[in-house]
Amino acid sequence: ESDVKWASRWDAYLLMNDDQIHWFSIVNSLMIVLFLSGMVAMIMLRTLYRDISRYNELETQEEAQEETGWKLVHGDVFRPPSNSDLLCVYVGTGVQFLGMVLVTMIFAVFGFLSPSNRGGLMTAMLLLWVFMGIFAGYASARLYKMFKGAEWKKLAFRTACMFPGIVFAIFFVLNAIIWGQKSSGAVPFGTMFALVLMWFGISVPLVFVGGYVGFKKPAIEDPVKTNKIPRQIPEQAWYMNPTFSILIGGILPFGAVFIELFFILTSIWLNQFYYIFGFLFLVFIILLITCAEITIVLCYFQLCSEDYLWWWRSYLTSGSSALYLFLYATFYFFTKLEITKLVSGLLYFGYMLIASYAFFVLTGTIGFYACFWFTRLIYSSVKID
């Protein structure tokens, strides 16, 4: 018997002593967003407005010959990238992931997912992942058709199997290791079978349905014509080197979320309860905006230096924040956790690898769509003969 009411018995676990830190993290993230928004606004208003009015005033052919900057590469900017099929697969998977995370967060914010039911969040995420397959198929097929691809069934199959396949393989190996240790934490064979059944029974067919609908739609028209022969890309400055700019692009999105990440890691690995989903939702929105803005800024600089290979770079720029996430997880392992057993260490790094891979797909897709919208916007506003 206890005097504490049933509804209040969880309060001891759910006491929130450190909300100041969360507010500090959000203010810190908002500063990053405001800085980036200022940059984007400056590019959009000042530079682009000036550029577009100047390009549209070019009267004579001699003046037109002296074009510079991003206008020069208009004939190549929408040329399909190398490995375009793989890009379509990753973008589709990212859309699926974004849908899953958004709906899960909204459910959690409204209190449908109780922190006391530890498996509830995971079950909800898995079910949503499976049903979001239809959007994955649709997004990848639309992009694939724009790249003039023809084999949509092959693409749908790759979209349905690639990301879950890699994750399932890592998960299966980790589970086999725990099984070998005869641990009660191992996922039973029946559950594994149910997961595979959900994947191939619901997710794969839904991806095919989405792919079919997406491929039936008319292809997205490019705002400018693509030249037959690709232009030569001039020698780039050291700071426009793809590797350097991709790695720089991942720092800010990671910086916007890393304080909240500390609490999430603590709740997963140190058995504390994470239930402040309102904060998490705010941080997630900030992450989306930061990924979009940093990618647009770097994409604009890239196009100005006459490098038109932006498709993959836009994906990798914001996606590289996953590398910092994994490095932070490694730092967390050595500073906060006291794990000495090899199996426990393998488990930690295996699961953090899956989390980082998922984060890469999510942030990369946001950056890609931001750039896709941005390039279409700027090139559709210039008069090109």
Protein backbone atom coordinates (compact mmCIF):
# COMPACT_ATOMS: atom_id res chain seq x y z
CA GLU A 1 0.00 0.00 0.00
CA SER A 2 1.11 3.52 -0.71
CA ASP A 3 -0.27 7.01 -0.13
CA VAL A 4 1.01 8.10 -3.55
CA LYS A 5 -1.74 8.17 -6.16
CA TRP A 6 -1.36 5.69 -9.03
CA ALA A 7 -1.06 8.47 -11.64
CA SER A 8 1.80 10.14 -9.74
CA ARG A 9 3.97 7.08 -9.09
CA TRP A 10 6.23 7.78 -12.03
CA ASP A 11 7.02 11.30 -10.88
CA ALA A 12 10.18 10.22 -9.03
CA TYR A 13 11.65 8.99 -12.33
CA LEU A 14 10.33 11.84 -14.40
CA LEU A 15 11.57 14.73 -12.30
CA MET A 16 13.29 17.16 -14.61
CA ASN A 17 16.10 18.94 -12.83
CA ASP A 18 18.08 20.08 -15.82
CA ASP A 19 15.58 21.94 -17.97
CA GLN A 20 17.91 24.96 -17.92
CA ILE A 21 20.48 22.97 -19.88
CA HIS A 22 17.84 22.09 -22.47
CA TRP A 23 16.84 25.73 -22.81
CA PHE A 24 20.50 26.64 -23.13
CA SER A 25 20.87 24.02 -25.87
CA ILE A 26 17.85 25.38 -27.75
CA VAL A 27 19.02 29.01 -27.48
CA ASN A 28 22.47 27.90 -28.69
CA SER A 29 20.89 26.08 -31.64
CA LEU A 30 18.64 29.04 -32.45
CA MET A 31 21.71 31.29 -32.64
CA ILE A 32 23.19 28.95 -35.27
CA VAL A 33 19.88 28.99 -37.18
CA LEU A 34 19.62 32.81 -37.05
CA PHE A 35 23.19 33.16 -38.29
CA LEU A 36 22.55 30.77 -41.17
CA SER A 37 19.17 32.33 -41.98
CA GLY A 38 20.89 35.70 -42.20
CA MET A 39 23.43 34.21 -44.63
CA VAL A 40 20.72 32.62 -46.77
CA ALA A 41 18.62 35.79 -46.75
CA MET A 42 21.64 37.84 -47.80
CA ILE A 43 22.41 35.45 -50.66
CA MET A 44 18.78 35.28 -51.74
CA LEU A 45 18.02 38.99 -51.58
CA ARG A 46 21.21 40.88 -52.21
CA THR A 47 23.35 38.65 -54.38
CA LEU A 48 20.66 36.83 -56.32
CA TYR A 49 18.52 39.91 -56.85
CA ARG A 50 21.55 41.79 -58.16
CA ASP A 51 22.68 38.86 -60.29
CA ILE A 52 19.25 38.21 -61.80
CA SER A 53 18.60 41.86 -62.64
CA ARG A 54 22.10 42.10 -64.19
CA TYR A 55 21.68 38.89 -66.22
CA ASN A 56 18.26 39.94 -67.45
CA GLU A 57 19.56 43.35 -68.55
CA LEU A 58 22.26 41.89 -70.79
CA GLU A 59 21.33 43.33 -74.15
CA THR A 60 24.10 42.63 -76.60
CA GLN A 61 25.65 39.32 -77.52
CA GLU A 62 29.13 40.60 -76.53
CA GLU A 63 27.92 41.29 -73.01
CA ALA A 64 26.26 37.89 -72.88
CA GLN A 65 29.61 36.30 -73.72
CA GLU A 66 31.07 37.74 -70.53
CA GLU A 67 28.76 35.89 -68.16
CA THR A 68 30.25 34.83 -64.87
CA GLY A 69 29.32 32.83 -61.81
CA TRP A 70 26.36 30.50 -61.45
CA LYS A 71 24.66 31.66 -64.66
CA LEU A 72 27.53 30.18 -66.69
CA VAL A 73 26.75 26.60 -65.70
CA HIS A 74 23.02 26.73 -66.52
CA GLY A 75 23.52 24.21 -69.33
CA ASP A 76 25.00 21.60 -66.97
CA VAL A 77 23.42 22.18 -63.59
CA PHE A 78 20.58 19.70 -64.18
CA ARG A 79 22.73 17.05 -65.84
CA PRO A 80 22.01 13.70 -64.10
CA PRO A 81 24.81 12.81 -61.66
CA SER A 82 26.92 9.67 -61.74
CA ASN A 83 25.32 6.77 -59.80
CA SER A 84 21.96 8.56 -60.09
CA ASP A 85 20.10 5.30 -59.21
CA LEU A 86 21.86 5.12 -55.86
CA LEU A 87 21.04 8.77 -55.15
CA CYS A 88 17.35 8.06 -55.87
CA VAL A 89 17.44 5.08 -53.46
CA TYR A 90 19.01 7.17 -50.69
CA VAL A 91 16.62 10.10 -51.19
CA GLY A 92 13.63 7.71 -51.07
CA THR A 93 14.94 6.10 -47.88
CA GLY A 94 15.49 9.54 -46.35
CA VAL A 95 11.88 10.54 -47.08
CA GLN A 96 10.72 7.31 -45.42
CA PHE A 97 12.87 8.07 -42.40
CA LEU A 98 11.76 11.69 -42.17
CA GLY A 99 8.10 10.62 -42.22
CA MET A 100 8.71 8.04 -39.51
CA VAL A 101 10.60 10.44 -37.21
CA LEU A 102 8.11 13.29 -37.65
CA VAL A 103 5.02 11.17 -36.89
CA THR A 104 6.75 9.43 -33.93
CA MET A 105 7.77 12.80 -32.48
CA ILE A 106 4.25 14.24 -32.86
CA PHE A 107 2.80 11.15 -31.14
CA ALA A 108 5.36 11.47 -28.34
CA VAL A 109 4.76 15.22 -27.89
CA PHE A 110 1.01 14.65 -27.50
CA GLY A 111 1.71 11.96 -24.90
CA PHE A 112 0.57 8.89 -26.86
CA LEU A 113 3.93 7.19 -26.20
CA SER A 114 4.64 6.79 -22.51
CA PRO A 115 8.30 6.74 -21.39
CA SER A 116 7.34 4.03 -18.89
CA ASN A 117 6.62 1.63 -21.74
CA ARG A 118 10.18 1.34 -23.01
CA GLY A 119 9.38 -0.82 -26.01
CA GLY A 120 6.44 1.33 -27.10
CA LEU A 121 8.60 3.93 -28.82
CA MET A 122 10.56 1.31 -30.73
CA THR A 123 7.42 -0.57 -31.80
CA ALA A 124 5.79 2.65 -32.99
CA MET A 125 8.91 3.56 -34.98
CA LEU A 126 9.13 0.14 -36.63
CA LEU A 127 5.44 0.14 -37.61
CA LEU A 128 5.65 3.68 -38.96
CA TRP A 129 8.82 2.82 -40.89
CA VAL A 130 7.01 -0.06 -42.58
CA PHE A 131 4.00 2.06 -43.57
CA MET A 132 6.10 5.02 -44.74
CA GLY A 133 7.51 2.72 -47.45
CA ILE A 134 4.90 4.09 -49.87
CA PHE A 135 6.48 7.58 -49.65
CA ALA A 136 9.97 6.12 -50.13
CA GLY A 137 8.90 4.44 -53.38
CA TYR A 138 7.13 7.57 -54.59
CA ALA A 139 10.03 9.97 -53.87
CA SER A 140 12.70 7.74 -55.43
CA ALA A 141 10.59 7.00 -58.54
CA ARG A 142 9.85 10.71 -59.16
CA LEU A 143 13.54 11.56 -59.03
CA TYR A 144 14.46 8.49 -61.10
CA LYS A 145 12.04 9.51 -63.86
CA MET A 146 13.53 13.01 -63.88
CA PHE A 147 16.95 11.40 -64.47
CA LYS A 148 15.34 9.57 -67.43
CA GLY A 149 15.56 6.15 -65.79
CA ALA A 150 13.40 3.33 -67.14
CA GLU A 151 13.65 0.32 -64.79
CA TRP A 152 11.49 1.52 -61.89
CA LYS A 153 10.88 -2.00 -60.51
CA LYS A 154 14.59 -2.57 -60.00
CA LEU A 155 14.83 0.84 -58.31
CA ALA A 156 11.82 0.13 -56.03
CA PHE A 157 13.38 -3.18 -54.97
CA ARG A 158 16.68 -1.48 -54.13
CA THR A 159 14.87 1.27 -52.19
CA ALA A 160 12.90 -1.34 -50.22
CA CYS A 161 15.91 -3.53 -49.40
CA MET A 162 19.10 -1.49 -49.26
CA PHE A 163 18.90 0.51 -46.02
CA PRO A 164 16.85 -2.07 -44.03
CA GLY A 165 19.12 -4.83 -45.38
CA ILE A 166 22.32 -3.17 -44.11
CA VAL A 167 20.71 -2.35 -40.73
CA PHE A 168 19.27 -5.86 -40.40
CA ALA A 169 22.65 -7.45 -41.20
CA ILE A 170 24.43 -5.43 -38.46
CA PHE A 171 21.55 -6.11 -36.05
CA PHE A 172 21.60 -9.85 -36.80
CA VAL A 173 25.36 -10.12 -36.19
CA LEU A 174 25.04 -8.20 -32.87
CA ASN A 175 22.12 -10.37 -31.82
CA ALA A 176 24.04 -13.55 -32.68
CA ILE A 177 26.88 -12.33 -30.43
CA ILE A 178 24.47 -11.79 -27.49
CA TRP A 179 22.87 -15.16 -28.22
CA GLY A 180 26.30 -16.73 -27.95
CA GLN A 181 26.65 -15.14 -24.49
CA LYS A 182 23.26 -16.71 -23.52
CA SER A 183 22.01 -13.24 -22.53
CA SER A 184 18.35 -12.54 -21.81
CA GLY A 185 18.78 -9.31 -23.82
CA ALA A 186 18.90 -11.23 -27.11
CA VAL A 187 15.98 -10.76 -29.49
CA PRO A 188 14.14 -14.10 -29.80
CA PHE A 189 14.05 -15.91 -33.14
CA GLY A 190 10.26 -15.44 -33.39
CA THR A 191 10.58 -11.65 -33.15
CA MET A 192 13.31 -11.66 -35.83
CA PHE A 193 11.04 -13.69 -38.09
CA ALA A 194 8.15 -11.25 -37.45
CA LEU A 195 10.41 -8.32 -38.38
CA VAL A 196 11.42 -9.99 -41.66
CA LEU A 197 7.76 -10.78 -42.35
CA MET A 198 6.78 -7.12 -41.79
CA TRP A 199 9.63 -5.96 -44.00
CA PHE A 200 8.87 -8.24 -46.97
CA GLY A 201 5.13 -8.57 -46.35
CA ILE A 202 4.19 -4.90 -45.88
CA SER A 203 7.14 -2.56 -46.48
CA VAL A 204 8.39 -3.97 -49.82
CA PRO A 205 4.90 -4.09 -51.46
CA LEU A 206 4.20 -0.52 -50.26
CA VAL A 207 7.48 0.73 -51.77
CA PHE A 208 6.46 -0.89 -55.07
CA VAL A 209 3.02 0.79 -54.90
CA GLY A 210 4.66 4.16 -54.22
CA GLY A 211 7.20 3.57 -57.00
CA TYR A 212 4.43 2.69 -59.47
CA VAL A 213 2.42 5.83 -58.63
CA GLY A 214 5.54 8.04 -58.73
CA PHE A 215 6.71 6.64 -62.07
CA LYS A 216 3.27 7.08 -63.67
CA LYS A 217 3.36 10.82 -62.92
CA PRO A 218 4.83 13.13 -65.60
CA ALA A 219 8.56 13.73 -65.17
CA ILE A 220 9.65 16.90 -63.34
CA GLU A 221 10.65 19.46 -65.98
CA ASP A 222 14.03 21.19 -65.66
CA PRO A 223 13.82 25.01 -65.69
CA VAL A 224 16.71 25.21 -68.20
CA LYS A 225 17.90 22.99 -71.06
CA THR A 226 20.94 20.77 -70.54
CA ASN A 227 23.77 20.99 -73.09
CA LYS A 228 24.85 17.90 -75.00
CA ILE A 229 28.53 18.28 -74.07
CA PRO A 230 29.48 18.84 -70.40
CA ARG A 231 31.49 21.98 -69.59
CA GLN A 232 34.93 21.74 -68.12
CA ILE A 233 35.03 22.61 -64.43
CA PRO A 234 37.74 25.23 -63.77
CA GLU A 235 40.46 24.74 -61.15
CA GLN A 236 38.84 25.15 -57.71
CA ALA A 237 40.20 27.02 -54.68
CA TRP A 238 41.36 24.78 -51.79
CA TYR A 239 38.33 25.65 -49.64
CA MET A 240 35.97 24.56 -52.43
CA ASN A 241 37.51 21.09 -52.45
CA PRO A 242 34.59 18.60 -52.19
CA THR A 243 36.00 16.76 -49.15
CA PHE A 244 36.70 19.97 -47.26
CA SER A 245 33.32 21.61 -47.94
CA ILE A 246 31.43 18.38 -47.18
CA LEU A 247 33.17 18.03 -43.80
CA ILE A 248 32.62 21.71 -42.96
CA GLY A 249 28.92 21.38 -43.84
CA GLY A 250 28.33 18.69 -41.21
CA ILE A 251 29.66 20.67 -38.24
CA LEU A 252 26.76 23.11 -37.81
CA PRO A 253 23.86 20.61 -37.94
CA PHE A 254 25.73 18.48 -35.40
CA GLY A 255 26.45 21.56 -33.26
CA ALA A 256 22.73 22.35 -33.21
CA VAL A 257 21.80 18.98 -31.66
CA PHE A 258 24.76 17.70 -29.69
CA ILE A 259 23.59 18.83 -26.20
CA GLU A 260 20.26 17.05 -26.67
CA LEU A 261 22.21 14.09 -28.05
CA PHE A 262 24.03 13.80 -24.72
CA PHE A 263 20.69 13.30 -22.91
CA ILE A 264 19.50 10.78 -25.48
CA LEU A 265 22.69 8.72 -25.16
CA THR A 266 22.42 8.89 -21.36
CA SER A 267 18.83 7.66 -21.48
CA ILE A 268 19.74 4.77 -23.80
CA TRP A 269 22.97 3.59 -22.21
CA LEU A 270 22.66 4.67 -18.56
CA ASN A 271 19.05 3.54 -18.03
CA GLN A 272 17.58 6.98 -17.46
CA PHE A 273 14.17 7.94 -18.81
CA TYR A 274 13.97 10.36 -21.68
CA TYR A 275 10.56 11.93 -21.91
CA ILE A 276 11.04 15.63 -22.75
CA PHE A 277 9.79 15.15 -26.28
CA GLY A 278 8.73 18.80 -26.58
CA PHE A 279 12.38 19.86 -26.36
CA LEU A 280 13.37 17.07 -28.70
CA PHE A 281 10.79 18.15 -31.29
CA LEU A 282 12.07 21.75 -31.14
CA VAL A 283 15.65 20.56 -31.60
CA PHE A 284 14.56 18.34 -34.50
CA ILE A 285 12.93 21.31 -36.29
CA ILE A 286 16.12 23.34 -35.70
CA LEU A 287 18.15 20.45 -37.16
CA LEU A 288 15.99 20.42 -40.31
CA ILE A 289 16.40 24.18 -40.82
CA THR A 290 20.17 24.08 -40.15
CA CYS A 291 20.73 21.21 -42.61
CA ALA A 292 18.74 22.98 -45.32
CA GLU A 293 20.41 26.35 -44.84
CA ILE A 294 24.05 25.25 -44.61
CA THR A 295 23.61 23.12 -47.74
CA ILE A 296 22.03 26.01 -49.68
CA VAL A 297 24.85 28.39 -48.67
CA LEU A 298 27.60 25.94 -49.69
CA CYS A 299 25.75 24.97 -52.89
CA TYR A 300 25.54 28.64 -53.92
CA PHE A 301 29.29 29.14 -53.38
CA GLN A 302 29.93 25.97 -55.37
CA LEU A 303 27.82 27.11 -58.34
CA CYS A 304 29.46 30.55 -58.23
CA SER A 305 32.85 28.90 -58.66
CA GLU A 306 31.42 27.18 -61.79
CA ASP A 307 31.31 23.69 -60.30
CA TYR A 308 27.95 22.17 -61.29
CA LEU A 309 28.35 18.74 -59.63
CA TRP A 310 25.98 19.57 -56.78
CA TRP A 311 23.64 16.54 -56.64
CA TRP A 312 25.74 14.20 -54.52
CA ARG A 313 27.59 16.99 -52.75
CA SER A 314 24.33 18.48 -51.43
CA TYR A 315 23.40 15.07 -49.98
CA LEU A 316 26.81 14.50 -48.43
CA THR A 317 27.23 18.05 -47.07
CA SER A 318 24.48 17.83 -44.46
CA GLY A 319 24.82 14.02 -44.26
CA SER A 320 28.41 14.38 -43.03
CA SER A 321 26.99 15.45 -39.63
CA ALA A 322 26.50 11.68 -39.06
CA LEU A 323 30.30 11.31 -39.01
CA TYR A 324 30.49 13.82 -36.15
CA LEU A 325 27.67 11.96 -34.40
CA PHE A 326 29.67 8.72 -34.53
CA LEU A 327 32.85 10.48 -33.33
CA TYR A 328 30.86 12.01 -30.46
CA ALA A 329 29.47 8.55 -29.59
CA THR A 330 33.07 7.26 -29.47
CA PHE A 331 34.07 10.15 -27.20
CA TYR A 332 31.01 9.43 -24.98
CA PHE A 333 32.00 5.76 -24.76
CA PHE A 334 35.47 6.53 -23.41
CA THR A 335 34.49 9.38 -21.09
CA LYS A 336 31.07 8.44 -19.63
CA LEU A 337 30.63 4.69 -19.88
CA GLU A 338 32.52 2.09 -17.90
CA ILE A 339 32.25 -0.78 -20.34
CA THR A 340 35.06 -3.31 -20.07
CA LYS A 341 33.62 -6.40 -21.79
CA LEU A 342 34.34 -6.79 -25.50
CA VAL A 343 30.77 -7.91 -26.28
CA SER A 344 29.26 -4.84 -24.58
CA GLY A 345 31.67 -2.59 -26.48
CA LEU A 346 30.76 -4.27 -29.79
CA LEU A 347 27.07 -3.80 -28.98
CA TYR A 348 27.54 -0.11 -28.24
CA PHE A 349 29.49 0.63 -31.42
CA GLY A 350 27.21 -1.58 -33.54
CA TYR A 351 24.07 0.21 -32.41
CA MET A 352 25.68 3.65 -32.67
CA LEU A 353 26.80 2.77 -36.21
CA ILE A 354 23.16 1.99 -37.11
CA ALA A 355 22.04 5.27 -35.47
CA SER A 356 24.72 7.27 -37.35
CA TYR A 357 23.80 5.63 -40.66
CA ALA A 358 20.13 6.52 -40.10
CA PHE A 359 21.12 10.08 -39.18
CA PHE A 360 23.17 10.30 -42.41
CA VAL A 361 20.21 9.25 -44.54
CA LEU A 362 17.87 11.68 -42.77
CA THR A 363 20.09 14.79 -42.80
CA GLY A 364 21.41 14.06 -46.31
CA THR A 365 17.89 13.95 -47.75
CA ILE A 366 16.97 17.27 -46.11
CA GLY A 367 20.09 18.92 -47.58
CA PHE A 368 19.40 17.41 -50.99
CA TYR A 369 15.80 18.64 -51.18
CA ALA A 370 16.81 22.11 -49.97
CA CYS A 371 19.39 22.37 -52.77
CA PHE A 372 17.00 20.89 -55.30
CA TRP A 373 14.43 23.58 -54.49
CA PHE A 374 17.10 26.32 -54.42
CA THR A 375 18.70 25.51 -57.80
CA ARG A 376 15.31 25.19 -59.51
CA LEU A 377 14.29 28.54 -58.02
CA ILE A 378 17.36 30.50 -59.11
CA TYR A 379 17.61 29.01 -62.60
CA SER A 380 13.90 29.44 -63.33
CA SER A 381 14.19 33.18 -62.57
CA VAL A 382 16.84 34.00 -65.20
CA LYS A 383 16.13 34.61 -68.85
CA ILE A 384 18.25 32.22 -70.94
CA ASP A 385 18.21 32.23 -74.73
